[in-house]
């Protein structure tokens, strides 16, 4: 509704939506993409993302009756609605490997920190029912266990904060600045583009920021309500990094060995150079972060402008070389006395 912040769905909310979507589409053959998106209160891109997942769902883990749903960009077609009909409603039979995989995964999820207690209890009850139904096939699962790395706990806390609309406190490592900062953020949504990120309103910078979960050193769910200002959710189909027209311009020249930069970084232009390299013009909200790119390129590239960033990159390279030379000198100094004493 107008005047209220856009609230993204949590993973659980998305699952509920997709279950409803199955029923909705079965009753409306050839439904228009825009009409369905409007009915569910999501964008057409989000709907298409859901439709990409549904064909991997069905009544069997082994396939053969997966949902055959697709779109031509205008309408949505379900080619095998009978996959969920009465003729397909026979009891589900789990093979031993299927029961083992399901039970191990369920027990692992139940141990996630930050999982809401009601969801944990529901999961444990469902797990107990599967164990009973699987009988001897469930025995192998008791000898296996899965533990999640720290990112799993961070994910659970962020997902819970989004669902309960609560603010988060985090200690976050920024590799571009090589520093750890403390921030309070109002989480907006979780996104996965190569890594998993939380898009949030940062109270420290008073701006929308994106934080990579595996760089969160510590996280706490606060009692304060999350109240991000109304923002338009970005379309991330083209990638997480989407420079804006008002972002500072940076010019980088690369040799033949650095042409990959034009493929990896969104840019305004990439002009050919006589030596087979490129002169790349790009925009970034944080030009200082490109110092790491300059160090990585080495002799294969350099920052041309802005001048202050080019100078900063050169100084960083000199410091790195000086430190490297110092380590080599110490190693050589330490080796000679040993040889002399033999």
C-alpha atoms as a PDB file:
ATOM      1  CA  UNK A   1       0.000   0.000   0.000  1.00  0.00           C
ATOM      2  CA  UNK A   2       1.161   3.545  -0.673  1.00  0.00           C
ATOM      3  CA  UNK A   3       3.093   5.181   2.138  1.00  0.00           C
ATOM      4  CA  UNK A   4       4.441   1.944   3.611  1.00  0.00           C
ATOM      5  CA  UNK A   5       7.952   0.548   3.127  1.00  0.00           C
ATOM      6  CA  UNK A   6       8.306  -2.318   0.704  1.00  0.00           C
ATOM      7  CA  UNK A   7       8.681  -5.457   2.801  1.00  0.00           C
ATOM      8  CA  UNK A   8      10.436  -8.357   1.087  1.00  0.00           C
ATOM      9  CA  UNK A   9       9.411 -11.933   1.750  1.00  0.00           C
ATOM     10  CA  UNK A  10      11.523 -14.194   3.945  1.00  0.00           C
ATOM     11  CA  UNK A  11      12.446 -17.662   2.724  1.00  0.00           C
ATOM     12  CA  UNK A  12       9.438 -19.104   4.542  1.00  0.00           C
ATOM     13  CA  UNK A  13       7.115 -16.466   3.093  1.00  0.00           C
ATOM     14  CA  UNK A  14       8.432 -17.229  -0.381  1.00  0.00           C
ATOM     15  CA  UNK A  15       7.761 -20.933   0.113  1.00  0.00           C
ATOM     16  CA  UNK A  16       4.186 -20.202   1.146  1.00  0.00           C
ATOM     17  CA  UNK A  17       3.751 -17.963  -1.885  1.00  0.00           C
ATOM     18  CA  UNK A  18       5.027 -20.633  -4.250  1.00  0.00           C
ATOM     19  CA  UNK A  19       2.659 -23.221  -2.785  1.00  0.00           C
ATOM     20  CA  UNK A  20      -0.227 -20.814  -3.375  1.00  0.00           C
ATOM     21  CA  UNK A  21       1.111 -20.103  -6.846  1.00  0.00           C
ATOM     22  CA  UNK A  22       0.756 -23.779  -7.811  1.00  0.00           C
ATOM     23  CA  UNK A  23      -2.961 -23.767  -6.970  1.00  0.00           C
ATOM     24  CA  UNK A  24      -3.484 -20.379  -8.605  1.00  0.00           C
ATOM     25  CA  UNK A  25      -1.870 -21.418 -11.901  1.00  0.00           C
ATOM     26  CA  UNK A  26      -3.640 -24.764 -12.039  1.00  0.00           C
ATOM     27  CA  UNK A  27      -6.979 -22.983 -11.981  1.00  0.00           C
ATOM     28  CA  UNK A  28      -5.936 -20.349 -14.573  1.00  0.00           C
ATOM     29  CA  UNK A  29      -4.366 -21.917 -17.667  1.00  0.00           C
ATOM     30  CA  UNK A  30      -2.485 -19.359 -19.752  1.00  0.00           C
ATOM     31  CA  UNK A  31      -2.635 -16.693 -17.055  1.00  0.00           C
ATOM     32  CA  UNK A  32      -0.958 -13.414 -17.974  1.00  0.00           C
ATOM     33  CA  UNK A  33       2.400 -12.847 -16.309  1.00  0.00           C
ATOM     34  CA  UNK A  34       1.586  -9.286 -15.251  1.00  0.00           C
ATOM     35  CA  UNK A  35      -1.801 -10.311 -13.788  1.00  0.00           C
ATOM     36  CA  UNK A  36      -0.270 -13.079 -11.663  1.00  0.00           C
ATOM     37  CA  UNK A  37       2.515 -10.794 -10.415  1.00  0.00           C
ATOM     38  CA  UNK A  38      -0.065  -8.166  -9.460  1.00  0.00           C
ATOM     39  CA  UNK A  39      -2.223 -10.757  -7.669  1.00  0.00           C
ATOM     40  CA  UNK A  40       0.705 -11.871  -5.509  1.00  0.00           C
ATOM     41  CA  UNK A  41       2.090  -8.362  -4.945  1.00  0.00           C
ATOM     42  CA  UNK A  42       5.491  -9.082  -6.463  1.00  0.00           C
ATOM     43  CA  UNK A  43       7.424  -7.887  -9.508  1.00  0.00           C
ATOM     44  CA  UNK A  44       7.382  -9.808 -12.771  1.00  0.00           C
ATOM     45  CA  UNK A  45      11.092 -10.597 -12.298  1.00  0.00           C
ATOM     46  CA  UNK A  46      10.358 -12.146  -8.890  1.00  0.00           C
ATOM     47  CA  UNK A  47       7.554 -14.183 -10.427  1.00  0.00           C
ATOM     48  CA  UNK A  48       9.805 -15.444 -13.210  1.00  0.00           C
ATOM     49  CA  UNK A  49      12.359 -16.400 -10.543  1.00  0.00           C
ATOM     50  CA  UNK A  50       9.661 -18.467  -8.788  1.00  0.00           C
ATOM     51  CA  UNK A  51       8.699 -20.080 -12.089  1.00  0.00           C
ATOM     52  CA  UNK A  52      12.329 -21.101 -12.605  1.00  0.00           C
ATOM     53  CA  UNK A  53      12.185 -23.058  -9.331  1.00  0.00           C
ATOM     54  CA  UNK A  54       8.780 -24.729  -9.716  1.00  0.00           C
ATOM     55  CA  UNK A  55       9.890 -27.130 -12.511  1.00  0.00           C
ATOM     56  CA  UNK A  56      12.262 -28.677  -9.965  1.00  0.00           C
ATOM     57  CA  UNK A  57       9.308 -29.570  -7.715  1.00  0.00           C
ATOM     58  CA  UNK A  58       6.986 -32.552  -7.853  1.00  0.00           C
ATOM     59  CA  UNK A  59       5.732 -35.583  -5.947  1.00  0.00           C
ATOM     60  CA  UNK A  60       8.932 -37.598  -6.371  1.00  0.00           C
ATOM     61  CA  UNK A  61      12.566 -36.872  -5.667  1.00  0.00           C
ATOM     62  CA  UNK A  62      13.518 -38.936  -8.704  1.00  0.00           C
ATOM     63  CA  UNK A  63      11.684 -36.922 -11.336  1.00  0.00           C
ATOM     64  CA  UNK A  64       9.224 -38.105 -13.956  1.00  0.00           C
ATOM     65  CA  UNK A  65       6.364 -36.117 -12.475  1.00  0.00           C
ATOM     66  CA  UNK A  66       8.010 -32.739 -11.918  1.00  0.00           C
ATOM     67  CA  UNK A  67       5.869 -29.665 -12.582  1.00  0.00           C
ATOM     68  CA  UNK A  68       6.131 -28.679 -16.235  1.00  0.00           C
ATOM     69  CA  UNK A  69       5.516 -24.923 -15.929  1.00  0.00           C
ATOM     70  CA  UNK A  70       6.990 -22.244 -18.172  1.00  0.00           C
ATOM     71  CA  UNK A  71       6.319 -18.812 -19.616  1.00  0.00           C
ATOM     72  CA  UNK A  72       6.709 -17.217 -23.024  1.00  0.00           C
ATOM     73  CA  UNK A  73       7.267 -13.842 -21.386  1.00  0.00           C
ATOM     74  CA  UNK A  74       3.599 -12.907 -21.587  1.00  0.00           C
ATOM     75  CA  UNK A  75       1.589 -15.895 -20.378  1.00  0.00           C
ATOM     76  CA  UNK A  76       2.231 -18.811 -18.046  1.00  0.00           C
ATOM     77  CA  UNK A  77       1.544 -22.358 -19.177  1.00  0.00           C
ATOM     78  CA  UNK A  78       1.273 -25.530 -17.109  1.00  0.00           C
ATOM     79  CA  UNK A  79       1.683 -28.499 -19.449  1.00  0.00           C
ATOM     80  CA  UNK A  80       1.110 -31.333 -16.959  1.00  0.00           C
ATOM     81  CA  UNK A  81      -1.418 -30.171 -14.313  1.00  0.00           C
ATOM     82  CA  UNK A  82      -2.298 -33.831 -13.730  1.00  0.00           C
ATOM     83  CA  UNK A  83       1.071 -34.174 -11.959  1.00  0.00           C
ATOM     84  CA  UNK A  84      -0.725 -33.110  -8.775  1.00  0.00           C
ATOM     85  CA  UNK A  85      -4.091 -34.670  -9.646  1.00  0.00           C
ATOM     86  CA  UNK A  86      -5.872 -37.475  -7.887  1.00  0.00           C
ATOM     87  CA  UNK A  87      -4.115 -40.054 -10.061  1.00  0.00           C
ATOM     88  CA  UNK A  88      -0.793 -38.828  -8.685  1.00  0.00           C
ATOM     89  CA  UNK A  89      -1.905 -38.722  -5.071  1.00  0.00           C
ATOM     90  CA  UNK A  90      -0.599 -42.140  -4.065  1.00  0.00           C
ATOM     91  CA  UNK A  91       1.406 -42.290  -0.825  1.00  0.00           C
ATOM     92  CA  UNK A  92       4.993 -41.101  -1.149  1.00  0.00           C
ATOM     93  CA  UNK A  93       7.520 -43.943  -0.914  1.00  0.00           C
ATOM     94  CA  UNK A  94      11.021 -42.936   0.137  1.00  0.00           C
ATOM     95  CA  UNK A  95      14.009 -45.005  -0.884  1.00  0.00           C
ATOM     96  CA  UNK A  96      16.727 -45.502   1.740  1.00  0.00           C
ATOM     97  CA  UNK A  97      19.000 -42.822   0.240  1.00  0.00           C
ATOM     98  CA  UNK A  98      16.087 -40.360  -0.004  1.00  0.00           C
ATOM     99  CA  UNK A  99      15.059 -40.914   3.612  1.00  0.00           C
ATOM    100  CA  UNK A 100      18.657 -40.531   4.786  1.00  0.00           C
ATOM    101  CA  UNK A 101      19.187 -37.274   2.871  1.00  0.00           C
ATOM    102  CA  UNK A 102      15.889 -35.826   4.091  1.00  0.00           C
ATOM    103  CA  UNK A 103      16.459 -36.697   7.749  1.00  0.00           C
ATOM    104  CA  UNK A 104      20.069 -35.494   7.839  1.00  0.00           C
ATOM    105  CA  UNK A 105      19.053 -32.183   6.256  1.00  0.00           C
ATOM    106  CA  UNK A 106      16.102 -31.744   8.626  1.00  0.00           C
ATOM    107  CA  UNK A 107      18.212 -32.364  11.732  1.00  0.00           C
ATOM    108  CA  UNK A 108      20.889 -29.951  10.477  1.00  0.00           C
ATOM    109  CA  UNK A 109      18.380 -27.172   9.850  1.00  0.00           C
ATOM    110  CA  UNK A 110      16.859 -27.717  13.302  1.00  0.00           C
ATOM    111  CA  UNK A 111      20.222 -26.823  14.895  1.00  0.00           C
ATOM    112  CA  UNK A 112      20.542 -23.451  13.142  1.00  0.00           C
ATOM    113  CA  UNK A 113      20.971 -20.610  15.640  1.00  0.00           C
ATOM    114  CA  UNK A 114      18.327 -17.940  15.279  1.00  0.00           C
ATOM    115  CA  UNK A 115      15.651 -20.326  14.012  1.00  0.00           C
ATOM    116  CA  UNK A 116      12.284 -19.399  15.487  1.00  0.00           C
ATOM    117  CA  UNK A 117      11.311 -21.876  18.207  1.00  0.00           C
ATOM    118  CA  UNK A 118       7.898 -22.531  16.657  1.00  0.00           C
ATOM    119  CA  UNK A 119       9.536 -23.444  13.335  1.00  0.00           C
ATOM    120  CA  UNK A 120      12.105 -25.620  15.136  1.00  0.00           C
ATOM    121  CA  UNK A 121       9.412 -27.597  16.972  1.00  0.00           C
ATOM    122  CA  UNK A 122       7.370 -28.044  13.788  1.00  0.00           C
ATOM    123  CA  UNK A 123      10.471 -29.311  11.985  1.00  0.00           C
ATOM    124  CA  UNK A 124      11.286 -31.766  14.788  1.00  0.00           C
ATOM    125  CA  UNK A 125       7.713 -33.126  14.746  1.00  0.00           C
ATOM    126  CA  UNK A 126       7.876 -33.611  10.988  1.00  0.00           C
ATOM    127  CA  UNK A 127      11.274 -35.304  11.314  1.00  0.00           C
ATOM    128  CA  UNK A 128       9.887 -37.747  13.879  1.00  0.00           C
ATOM    129  CA  UNK A 129       7.037 -38.678  11.525  1.00  0.00           C
ATOM    130  CA  UNK A 130       9.463 -39.282   8.655  1.00  0.00           C
ATOM    131  CA  UNK A 131      11.629 -41.468  10.905  1.00  0.00           C
ATOM    132  CA  UNK A 132       8.593 -43.570  11.840  1.00  0.00           C
ATOM    133  CA  UNK A 133       7.460 -43.913   8.244  1.00  0.00           C
ATOM    134  CA  UNK A 134      10.947 -44.723   6.957  1.00  0.00           C
ATOM    135  CA  UNK A 135      11.515 -47.513   9.471  1.00  0.00           C
ATOM    136  CA  UNK A 136      14.837 -49.296   8.960  1.00  0.00           C
ATOM    137  CA  UNK A 137      15.694 -46.955   6.086  1.00  0.00           C
ATOM    138  CA  UNK A 138      16.092 -44.162   8.640  1.00  0.00           C
ATOM    139  CA  UNK A 139      18.818 -45.988  10.542  1.00  0.00           C
ATOM    140  CA  UNK A 140      21.703 -44.731   8.433  1.00  0.00           C
ATOM    141  CA  UNK A 141      20.733 -41.100   9.019  1.00  0.00           C
ATOM    142  CA  UNK A 142      21.470 -41.376  12.736  1.00  0.00           C
ATOM    143  CA  UNK A 143      25.130 -42.048  11.918  1.00  0.00           C
ATOM    144  CA  UNK A 144      25.487 -38.894   9.815  1.00  0.00           C
ATOM    145  CA  UNK A 145      25.529 -35.246  10.792  1.00  0.00           C
ATOM    146  CA  UNK A 146      25.937 -31.915   9.068  1.00  0.00           C
ATOM    147  CA  UNK A 147      27.111 -28.680  10.651  1.00  0.00           C
ATOM    148  CA  UNK A 148      26.798 -25.240   9.124  1.00  0.00           C
ATOM    149  CA  UNK A 149      29.621 -22.713   8.974  1.00  0.00           C
ATOM    150  CA  UNK A 150      29.186 -19.384  10.740  1.00  0.00           C
ATOM    151  CA  UNK A 151      27.426 -17.872   7.716  1.00  0.00           C
ATOM    152  CA  UNK A 152      24.513 -20.215   8.413  1.00  0.00           C
ATOM    153  CA  UNK A 153      23.994 -18.644  11.836  1.00  0.00           C
ATOM    154  CA  UNK A 154      24.216 -15.153  10.389  1.00  0.00           C
ATOM    155  CA  UNK A 155      21.693 -16.099   7.705  1.00  0.00           C
ATOM    156  CA  UNK A 156      19.272 -17.422  10.325  1.00  0.00           C
ATOM    157  CA  UNK A 157      19.545 -14.252  12.412  1.00  0.00           C
ATOM    158  CA  UNK A 158      19.023 -12.006   9.398  1.00  0.00           C
ATOM    159  CA  UNK A 159      16.059 -14.078   8.203  1.00  0.00           C
ATOM    160  CA  UNK A 160      14.541 -13.917  11.664  1.00  0.00           C
ATOM    161  CA  UNK A 161      15.101 -10.149  11.930  1.00  0.00           C
ATOM    162  CA  UNK A 162      13.395  -9.615   8.571  1.00  0.00           C
ATOM    163  CA  UNK A 163      10.441 -11.779   9.578  1.00  0.00           C
ATOM    164  CA  UNK A 164      10.063 -10.092  12.975  1.00  0.00           C
ATOM    165  CA  UNK A 165      10.917  -6.617  11.627  1.00  0.00           C
ATOM    166  CA  UNK A 166      13.728  -6.012  14.112  1.00  0.00           C
ATOM    167  CA  UNK A 167      16.959  -4.061  13.833  1.00  0.00           C
ATOM    168  CA  UNK A 168      20.368  -5.744  13.716  1.00  0.00           C
ATOM    169  CA  UNK A 169      23.732  -4.821  15.209  1.00  0.00           C
ATOM    170  CA  UNK A 170      26.721  -6.158  13.292  1.00  0.00           C
ATOM    171  CA  UNK A 171      30.499  -6.042  13.314  1.00  0.00           C
ATOM    172  CA  UNK A 172      31.437  -6.034   9.641  1.00  0.00           C
ATOM    173  CA  UNK A 173      34.763  -6.458   7.849  1.00  0.00           C
ATOM    174  CA  UNK A 174      35.279  -4.239   4.811  1.00  0.00           C
ATOM    175  CA  UNK A 175      38.150  -5.592   2.659  1.00  0.00           C
ATOM    176  CA  UNK A 176      38.319  -2.384   0.610  1.00  0.00           C
ATOM    177  CA  UNK A 177      39.281  -0.437   3.764  1.00  0.00           C
ATOM    178  CA  UNK A 178      40.740  -3.394   5.658  1.00  0.00           C
ATOM    179  CA  UNK A 179      38.779  -2.470   8.778  1.00  0.00           C
ATOM    180  CA  UNK A 180      36.032  -3.804  11.013  1.00  0.00           C
ATOM    181  CA  UNK A 181      33.174  -1.441  11.820  1.00  0.00           C
ATOM    182  CA  UNK A 182      30.145  -1.639  14.086  1.00  0.00           C
ATOM    183  CA  UNK A 183      26.782  -0.763  12.560  1.00  0.00           C
ATOM    184  CA  UNK A 184      23.081  -0.895  13.246  1.00  0.00           C
ATOM    185  CA  UNK A 185      21.093  -1.876  10.185  1.00  0.00           C
ATOM    186  CA  UNK A 186      17.438  -2.291   9.262  1.00  0.00           C
ATOM    187  CA  UNK A 187      17.405  -5.422   7.059  1.00  0.00           C
ATOM    188  CA  UNK A 188      15.344  -5.233   3.868  1.00  0.00           C
ATOM    189  CA  UNK A 189      15.966  -8.555   2.126  1.00  0.00           C
ATOM    190  CA  UNK A 190      18.384 -11.426   1.604  1.00  0.00           C
ATOM    191  CA  UNK A 191      19.838 -11.846  -1.885  1.00  0.00           C
ATOM    192  CA  UNK A 192      22.110 -14.452  -3.426  1.00  0.00           C
ATOM    193  CA  UNK A 193      24.402 -13.398  -6.262  1.00  0.00           C
ATOM    194  CA  UNK A 194      27.399 -15.708  -6.084  1.00  0.00           C
ATOM    195  CA  UNK A 195      27.534 -15.082  -2.306  1.00  0.00           C
ATOM    196  CA  UNK A 196      24.672 -14.360   0.080  1.00  0.00           C
ATOM    197  CA  UNK A 197      24.070 -10.732   1.027  1.00  0.00           C
ATOM    198  CA  UNK A 198      21.654  -8.736   3.155  1.00  0.00           C
ATOM    199  CA  UNK A 199      20.402  -5.503   1.647  1.00  0.00           C
ATOM    200  CA  UNK A 200      19.696  -3.075   4.470  1.00  0.00           C
ATOM    201  CA  UNK A 201      19.335   0.525   5.556  1.00  0.00           C
ATOM    202  CA  UNK A 202      22.554   1.384   7.391  1.00  0.00           C
ATOM    203  CA  UNK A 203      21.982   3.753  10.339  1.00  0.00           C
ATOM    204  CA  UNK A 204      25.663   4.677  10.390  1.00  0.00           C
ATOM    205  CA  UNK A 205      25.790   5.966   6.813  1.00  0.00           C
ATOM    206  CA  UNK A 206      22.070   6.772   6.551  1.00  0.00           C
ATOM    207  CA  UNK A 207      21.936   5.037   3.189  1.00  0.00           C
ATOM    208  CA  UNK A 208      21.083   1.694   1.662  1.00  0.00           C
ATOM    209  CA  UNK A 209      24.004  -0.731   1.829  1.00  0.00           C
ATOM    210  CA  UNK A 210      24.639  -4.374   0.935  1.00  0.00           C
ATOM    211  CA  UNK A 211      26.575  -6.607   3.353  1.00  0.00           C
ATOM    212  CA  UNK A 212      28.097  -9.982   2.511  1.00  0.00           C
ATOM    213  CA  UNK A 213      27.142 -12.511   5.182  1.00  0.00           C
ATOM    214  CA  UNK A 214      30.511 -14.251   5.370  1.00  0.00           C
ATOM    215  CA  UNK A 215      32.099 -10.901   6.288  1.00  0.00           C
ATOM    216  CA  UNK A 216      29.859 -10.413   9.326  1.00  0.00           C
ATOM    217  CA  UNK A 217      32.126 -11.042  12.323  1.00  0.00           C
ATOM    218  CA  UNK A 218      29.366 -10.723  14.939  1.00  0.00           C
ATOM    219  CA  UNK A 219      25.610 -10.181  14.854  1.00  0.00           C
ATOM    220  CA  UNK A 220      22.856  -9.417  17.381  1.00  0.00           C
ATOM    221  CA  UNK A 221      19.111  -9.029  16.953  1.00  0.00           C
ATOM    222  CA  UNK A 222      18.049  -5.862  18.762  1.00  0.00           C
ATOM    223  CA  UNK A 223      14.765  -5.040  20.459  1.00  0.00           C
ATOM    224  CA  UNK A 224      14.340  -1.887  18.368  1.00  0.00           C
ATOM    225  CA  UNK A 225      11.905  -2.265  15.466  1.00  0.00           C
ATOM    226  CA  UNK A 226      13.325  -2.239  11.965  1.00  0.00           C
ATOM    227  CA  UNK A 227      12.028   0.820  10.122  1.00  0.00           C
ATOM    228  CA  UNK A 228      13.873   1.369   6.842  1.00  0.00           C
ATOM    229  CA  UNK A 229      12.622   4.282   4.747  1.00  0.00           C
ATOM    230  CA  UNK A 230      10.552   3.421   1.727  1.00  0.00           C
ATOM    231  CA  UNK A 231      12.925   2.295  -1.010  1.00  0.00           C
ATOM    232  CA  UNK A 232      12.447   0.817  -4.453  1.00  0.00           C
ATOM    233  CA  UNK A 233      13.906  -2.662  -4.572  1.00  0.00           C
ATOM    234  CA  UNK A 234      16.634  -2.900  -7.184  1.00  0.00           C
ATOM    235  CA  UNK A 235      16.491  -5.399 -10.032  1.00  0.00           C
ATOM    236  CA  UNK A 236      19.528  -7.598  -9.379  1.00  0.00           C
ATOM    237  CA  UNK A 237      19.127  -9.760 -12.484  1.00  0.00           C
ATOM    238  CA  UNK A 238      22.135  -7.974 -14.019  1.00  0.00           C
ATOM    239  CA  UNK A 239      24.277  -8.495 -10.942  1.00  0.00           C
ATOM    240  CA  UNK A 240      24.768  -7.071  -7.482  1.00  0.00           C
ATOM    241  CA  UNK A 241      27.038  -4.185  -8.491  1.00  0.00           C
ATOM    242  CA  UNK A 242      24.997  -1.683 -10.470  1.00  0.00           C
ATOM    243  CA  UNK A 243      26.726   1.705 -10.704  1.00  0.00           C
ATOM    244  CA  UNK A 244      24.584   4.820 -10.753  1.00  0.00           C
ATOM    245  CA  UNK A 245      25.028   7.741 -13.139  1.00  0.00           C
ATOM    246  CA  UNK A 246      26.027  10.030 -10.265  1.00  0.00           C
ATOM    247  CA  UNK A 247      28.815   7.707  -9.025  1.00  0.00           C
ATOM    248  CA  UNK A 248      32.417   8.924  -9.508  1.00  0.00           C
ATOM    249  CA  UNK A 249      34.070   8.007 -12.812  1.00  0.00           C
ATOM    250  CA  UNK A 250      37.268   5.952 -12.854  1.00  0.00           C
ATOM    251  CA  UNK A 251      39.473   5.265 -15.885  1.00  0.00           C
ATOM    252  CA  UNK A 252      41.631   2.132 -15.934  1.00  0.00           C
ATOM    253  CA  UNK A 253      44.077   1.090 -18.665  1.00  0.00           C
ATOM    254  CA  UNK A 254      44.874  -2.614 -18.924  1.00  0.00           C
ATOM    255  CA  UNK A 255      47.172  -4.650 -21.117  1.00  0.00           C
ATOM    256  CA  UNK A 256      46.193  -7.834 -22.963  1.00  0.00           C
ATOM    257  CA  UNK A 257      46.485  -9.797 -19.731  1.00  0.00           C
ATOM    258  CA  UNK A 258      43.970  -7.513 -18.022  1.00  0.00           C
ATOM    259  CA  UNK A 259      41.167  -7.560 -20.586  1.00  0.00           C
ATOM    260  CA  UNK A 260      39.153  -9.711 -18.157  1.00  0.00           C
ATOM    261  CA  UNK A 261      38.364  -6.519 -16.202  1.00  0.00           C
ATOM    262  CA  UNK A 262      35.920  -5.454 -18.928  1.00  0.00           C
ATOM    263  CA  UNK A 263      34.082  -8.754 -18.534  1.00  0.00           C
ATOM    264  CA  UNK A 264      34.022  -8.718 -14.738  1.00  0.00           C
ATOM    265  CA  UNK A 265      33.229  -5.049 -13.981  1.00  0.00           C
ATOM    266  CA  UNK A 266      30.184  -3.135 -15.325  1.00  0.00           C
ATOM    267  CA  UNK A 267      31.555  -0.218 -17.355  1.00  0.00           C
ATOM    268  CA  UNK A 268      30.504   2.717 -19.516  1.00  0.00           C
ATOM    269  CA  UNK A 269      33.057   2.124 -22.273  1.00  0.00           C
ATOM    270  CA  UNK A 270      36.033  -0.061 -23.210  1.00  0.00           C
ATOM    271  CA  UNK A 271      38.217   1.373 -25.979  1.00  0.00           C
ATOM    272  CA  UNK A 272      40.895  -0.651 -27.722  1.00  0.00           C
ATOM    273  CA  UNK A 273      44.552   0.342 -27.186  1.00  0.00           C
ATOM    274  CA  UNK A 274      47.389  -0.187 -29.734  1.00  0.00           C
ATOM    275  CA  UNK A 275      49.083  -2.842 -27.580  1.00  0.00           C
ATOM    276  CA  UNK A 276      45.964  -5.025 -27.471  1.00  0.00           C
ATOM    277  CA  UNK A 277      44.785  -3.680 -24.129  1.00  0.00           C
ATOM    278  CA  UNK A 278      41.757  -1.611 -23.187  1.00  0.00           C
ATOM    279  CA  UNK A 279      41.015   1.815 -21.761  1.00  0.00           C
ATOM    280  CA  UNK A 280      38.029   1.157 -19.505  1.00  0.00           C
ATOM    281  CA  UNK A 281      35.756   3.839 -18.075  1.00  0.00           C
ATOM    282  CA  UNK A 282      33.543   2.747 -15.188  1.00  0.00           C
ATOM    283  CA  UNK A 283      31.637   4.176 -12.244  1.00  0.00           C
ATOM    284  CA  UNK A 284      31.668   3.096  -8.620  1.00  0.00           C
ATOM    285  CA  UNK A 285      30.255   4.512  -5.374  1.00  0.00           C
ATOM    286  CA  UNK A 286      33.559   3.637  -3.657  1.00  0.00           C
ATOM    287  CA  UNK A 287      36.551   4.402  -5.934  1.00  0.00           C
ATOM    288  CA  UNK A 288      39.014   3.497  -3.167  1.00  0.00           C
ATOM    289  CA  UNK A 289      37.902  -0.130  -3.477  1.00  0.00           C
ATOM    290  CA  UNK A 290      39.612  -0.246  -6.899  1.00  0.00           C
ATOM    291  CA  UNK A 291      43.055   0.002  -5.267  1.00  0.00           C
ATOM    292  CA  UNK A 292      42.861  -3.744  -4.740  1.00  0.00           C
ATOM    293  CA  UNK A 293      42.124  -4.154  -8.443  1.00  0.00           C
ATOM    294  CA  UNK A 294      45.234  -2.145  -9.320  1.00  0.00           C
ATOM    295  CA  UNK A 295      47.397  -4.296  -7.032  1.00  0.00           C
ATOM    296  CA  UNK A 296      45.920  -7.445  -8.510  1.00  0.00           C
ATOM    297  CA  UNK A 297      46.624  -6.286 -12.060  1.00  0.00           C
ATOM    298  CA  UNK A 298      50.263  -5.437 -11.351  1.00  0.00           C
ATOM    299  CA  UNK A 299      52.010  -4.799 -14.661  1.00  0.00           C
ATOM    300  CA  UNK A 300      48.832  -5.694 -16.567  1.00  0.00           C
ATOM    301  CA  UNK A 301      47.050  -2.460 -15.685  1.00  0.00           C
ATOM    302  CA  UNK A 302      46.957   0.905 -13.950  1.00  0.00           C
ATOM    303  CA  UNK A 303      44.461   3.487 -12.753  1.00  0.00           C
ATOM    304  CA  UNK A 304      44.613   6.632 -14.900  1.00  0.00           C
ATOM    305  CA  UNK A 305      42.041   8.846 -13.175  1.00  0.00           C
ATOM    306  CA  UNK A 306      41.026  10.366 -10.894  1.00  0.00           C
ATOM    307  CA  UNK A 307      44.632  11.445 -10.145  1.00  0.00           C
ATOM    308  CA  UNK A 308      44.302  11.073  -6.371  1.00  0.00           C
ATOM    309  CA  UNK A 309      43.158   7.457  -6.746  1.00  0.00           C
ATOM    310  CA  UNK A 310      46.017   6.742  -9.185  1.00  0.00           C
ATOM    311  CA  UNK A 311      48.519   8.180  -6.651  1.00  0.00           C
ATOM    312  CA  UNK A 312      46.951   6.170  -3.839  1.00  0.00           C
ATOM    313  CA  UNK A 313      47.218   2.951  -5.881  1.00  0.00           C
ATOM    314  CA  UNK A 314      50.905   3.653  -6.660  1.00  0.00           C
ATOM    315  CA  UNK A 315      51.670   4.261  -2.988  1.00  0.00           C
ATOM    316  CA  UNK A 316      49.913   1.031  -2.018  1.00  0.00           C
ATOM    317  CA  UNK A 317      51.978  -0.842  -4.629  1.00  0.00           C
ATOM    318  CA  UNK A 318      55.253   0.695  -3.327  1.00  0.00           C
ATOM    319  CA  UNK A 319      54.392  -0.301   0.258  1.00  0.00           C
ATOM    320  CA  UNK A 320      53.595  -3.836  -0.848  1.00  0.00           C
ATOM    321  CA  UNK A 321      56.883  -4.114  -2.752  1.00  0.00           C
ATOM    322  CA  UNK A 322      58.837  -2.654   0.171  1.00  0.00           C
ATOM    323  CA  UNK A 323      57.319  -5.149   2.557  1.00  0.00           C
ATOM    324  CA  UNK A 324      58.086  -7.991   0.133  1.00  0.00           C
ATOM    325  CA  UNK A 325      61.703  -6.836  -0.281  1.00  0.00           C
ATOM    326  CA  UNK A 326      62.055  -6.608   3.496  1.00  0.00           C
ATOM    327  CA  UNK A 327      60.895 -10.201   3.936  1.00  0.00           C
ATOM    328  CA  UNK A 328      63.354 -11.383   1.254  1.00  0.00           C
ATOM    329  CA  UNK A 329      66.204  -9.460   2.891  1.00  0.00           C
ATOM    330  CA  UNK A 330      65.442 -10.990   6.297  1.00  0.00           C
ATOM    331  CA  UNK A 331      65.348 -14.444   4.797  1.00  0.00           C
ATOM    332  CA  UNK A 332      68.689 -13.952   3.020  1.00  0.00           C
ATOM    333  CA  UNK A 333      70.279 -12.487   6.166  1.00  0.00           C
ATOM    334  CA  UNK A 334      69.112 -15.407   8.230  1.00  0.00           C
ATOM    335  CA  UNK A 335      70.437 -17.988   5.735  1.00  0.00           C
ATOM    336  CA  UNK A 336      74.061 -16.791   5.438  1.00  0.00           C
ATOM    337  CA  UNK A 337      75.081 -17.241   9.081  1.00  0.00           C
ATOM    338  CA  UNK A 338      73.893 -20.820   8.929  1.00  0.00           C
ATOM    339  CA  UNK A 339      76.062 -21.534   5.902  1.00  0.00           C
ATOM    340  CA  UNK A 340      79.054 -19.740   7.438  1.00  0.00           C
ATOM    341  CA  UNK A 341      78.785 -21.780  10.583  1.00  0.00           C
ATOM    342  CA  UNK A 342      78.859 -25.132   8.779  1.00  0.00           C
END
